[in-house]
Amino acid sequence: MPYMIEEKTLALIPRGKQTKILEYCKEIIEDKSTRKIVEYNCYINGSTLEGRRHASSYLIGDYYKPPIIIDESKKIILVPTHSDRNPECIWLVLNNILKYKINSENKVTVIFKNEQKLDLNVSYSIFDKQVFRATRLESAIRGRKHKKYL
């Protein structure tokens, strides 16, 4: 059974046909690709990766590299660094990102809530847009729930 993405998950990092998973207190190597892990977690939460991608795009009105809702009840939203079809795509759990900054290589260093750091091979502006899309998705989900009471 592939890895279950939970609140303690920080990031899914591709390593060829394996995935390095960062959690709050440990690292795990999973013998499944990052994409397979994300697809499995979409399935067990009642959808497909393609379905989640379309839903996210619909809610935020942005179709390029949309964030993915893994578990709405636990508020787990994944932020991709690249297209989900790119084998180098790293997925980060939005709620576990404390902050991010430009590093000495003019790329991004993400600092998680447990103070763990992860250097990404993407520009600051691209990553900032990705986080912005994810926070828009989070807001759209929250707003959708409140509309039924208006």
Protein backbone atom coordinates (compact mmCIF):
# COMPACT_ATOMS: atom_id res chain seq x y z
CA MET A 1 0.00 0.00 0.00
CA PRO A 2 1.47 3.40 -0.95
CA TYR A 3 2.18 6.13 1.57
CA MET A 4 -0.79 7.96 3.13
CA ILE A 5 -0.37 11.74 3.02
CA GLU A 6 -1.31 13.16 6.43
CA GLU A 7 -0.97 16.33 8.47
CA LYS A 8 2.57 15.31 9.50
CA THR A 9 3.71 15.13 5.85
CA LEU A 10 5.90 18.03 4.76
CA ALA A 11 6.99 17.13 1.21
CA LEU A 12 7.15 14.38 -1.40
CA ILE A 13 10.45 14.47 -3.30
CA PRO A 14 11.00 12.31 -6.40
CA ARG A 15 14.09 10.08 -6.45
CA GLY A 16 13.76 8.23 -9.76
CA LYS A 17 11.25 5.44 -9.23
CA GLN A 18 11.24 6.13 -5.50
CA THR A 19 10.01 9.00 -3.35
CA LYS A 20 11.71 10.62 -0.39
CA ILE A 21 9.02 11.71 2.05
CA LEU A 22 9.72 14.39 4.63
CA GLU A 23 7.62 14.25 7.77
CA TYR A 24 7.80 16.31 10.95
CA CYS A 25 10.10 13.86 12.73
CA LYS A 26 11.51 11.54 10.06
CA GLU A 27 12.28 10.81 6.44
CA ILE A 28 10.89 7.82 4.57
CA ILE A 29 11.91 6.28 1.25
CA GLU A 30 8.91 4.82 -0.56
CA ASP A 31 9.30 2.42 -3.49
CA LYS A 32 6.62 4.22 -5.48
CA SER A 33 6.92 7.28 -7.68
CA THR A 34 5.72 10.59 -6.33
CA ARG A 35 2.96 10.67 -8.94
CA LYS A 36 1.75 7.18 -7.91
CA ILE A 37 1.60 8.28 -4.27
CA VAL A 38 -0.41 11.41 -5.14
CA GLU A 39 -2.73 9.40 -7.42
CA TYR A 40 -3.31 6.80 -4.68
CA ASN A 41 -4.15 9.50 -2.13
CA CYS A 42 -6.62 11.09 -4.55
CA TYR A 43 -8.26 7.67 -5.09
CA ILE A 44 -8.66 6.90 -1.40
CA ASN A 45 -10.26 10.32 -0.93
CA GLY A 46 -12.83 9.67 -3.66
CA SER A 47 -11.36 11.13 -6.84
CA THR A 48 -8.56 10.92 -9.37
CA LEU A 49 -5.58 13.18 -9.81
CA GLU A 50 -7.15 14.39 -13.07
CA GLY A 51 -10.44 15.06 -11.26
CA ARG A 52 -8.68 16.95 -8.49
CA ARG A 53 -6.72 18.96 -11.04
CA HIS A 54 -9.92 19.97 -12.86
CA ALA A 55 -11.71 20.81 -9.60
CA SER A 56 -8.84 22.97 -8.38
CA SER A 57 -8.60 24.74 -11.72
CA TYR A 58 -12.35 25.40 -11.69
CA LEU A 59 -12.29 26.82 -8.15
CA ILE A 60 -9.31 29.15 -8.66
CA GLY A 61 -9.71 29.87 -12.39
CA ASP A 62 -6.11 28.92 -13.12
CA TYR A 63 -5.33 25.85 -15.17
CA TYR A 64 -1.53 25.77 -15.11
CA LYS A 65 0.10 23.72 -12.33
CA PRO A 66 -2.92 23.83 -10.00
CA PRO A 67 -2.59 22.81 -6.36
CA ILE A 68 -4.27 19.54 -5.46
CA ILE A 69 -6.72 18.91 -2.62
CA ILE A 70 -5.80 15.61 -1.03
CA ASP A 71 -8.08 15.65 2.00
CA GLU A 72 -10.57 18.49 2.40
CA SER A 73 -11.57 17.56 5.96
CA LYS A 74 -7.93 17.63 7.12
CA LYS A 75 -7.18 20.68 4.95
CA ILE A 76 -4.35 18.93 3.12
CA ILE A 77 -3.51 20.81 -0.07
CA LEU A 78 -0.44 19.95 -2.12
CA VAL A 79 1.62 22.66 -3.79
CA PRO A 80 3.50 21.43 -6.88
CA THR A 81 6.87 22.86 -7.91
CA HIS A 82 6.37 21.80 -11.54
CA SER A 83 3.64 20.29 -13.68
CA ASP A 84 2.40 17.08 -12.05
CA ARG A 85 3.42 15.31 -15.28
CA ASN A 86 7.05 16.37 -14.75
CA PRO A 87 8.95 13.56 -12.98
CA GLU A 88 10.91 16.20 -11.02
CA CYS A 89 7.79 17.71 -9.45
CA ILE A 90 8.11 18.08 -5.68
CA TRP A 91 4.85 18.30 -3.74
CA LEU A 92 4.68 20.32 -0.50
CA VAL A 93 1.85 20.37 2.03
CA LEU A 94 0.62 23.97 2.18
CA ASN A 95 -0.29 24.01 5.88
CA ASN A 96 3.21 22.92 6.88
CA ILE A 97 5.03 25.75 5.08
CA LEU A 98 6.09 28.41 7.58
CA LYS A 99 7.90 30.66 5.10
CA TYR A 100 10.16 30.64 2.07
CA LYS A 101 12.94 32.87 0.85
CA ILE A 102 15.47 33.37 -1.94
CA ASN A 103 18.67 31.47 -1.26
CA SER A 104 22.26 32.17 -2.40
CA GLU A 105 21.69 30.34 -5.70
CA ASN A 106 18.73 32.62 -6.52
CA LYS A 107 16.34 29.72 -5.96
CA VAL A 108 13.94 29.01 -3.06
CA THR A 109 14.51 27.67 0.42
CA VAL A 110 11.32 26.51 2.12
CA ILE A 111 11.20 26.54 5.91
CA PHE A 112 8.57 24.25 7.40
CA LYS A 113 6.78 24.76 10.72
CA ASN A 114 9.20 22.35 12.41
CA GLU A 115 12.12 24.58 11.18
CA GLN A 116 13.26 21.92 8.69
CA LYS A 117 14.55 23.46 5.44
CA LEU A 118 14.27 22.29 1.85
CA ASP A 119 16.03 23.89 -1.12
CA LEU A 120 14.01 23.87 -4.33
CA ASN A 121 15.31 24.21 -7.86
CA VAL A 122 12.68 26.79 -8.85
CA SER A 123 12.71 30.56 -8.92
CA TYR A 124 11.19 32.54 -6.10
CA SER A 125 8.56 34.14 -8.35
CA ILE A 126 7.37 30.79 -9.70
CA PHE A 127 7.15 29.24 -6.24
CA ASP A 128 5.44 32.33 -4.85
CA LYS A 129 2.76 31.99 -7.57
CA GLN A 130 2.29 28.34 -6.67
CA VAL A 131 1.78 29.13 -2.98
CA PHE A 132 -0.58 31.95 -3.94
CA ARG A 133 -2.66 29.54 -6.05
CA ALA A 134 -2.80 27.09 -3.15
CA THR A 135 -3.94 29.76 -0.69
CA ARG A 136 -6.59 30.88 -3.21
CA LEU A 137 -7.79 27.28 -3.39
CA GLU A 138 -7.89 27.05 0.39
CA SER A 139 -9.90 30.28 0.50
CA ALA A 140 -12.28 29.07 -2.25
CA ILE A 141 -12.96 25.88 -0.31
CA ARG A 142 -13.58 27.81 2.90
CA GLY A 143 -15.81 30.32 1.07
CA ARG A 144 -17.80 27.57 -0.61
CA LYS A 145 -18.65 26.07 2.77
CA HIS A 146 -19.88 29.39 4.14
CA LYS A 147 -22.05 30.27 1.12
CA LYS A 148 -24.65 27.67 2.06
CA TYR A 149 -25.38 29.63 5.26
CA LEU A 150 -25.94 32.98 3.54
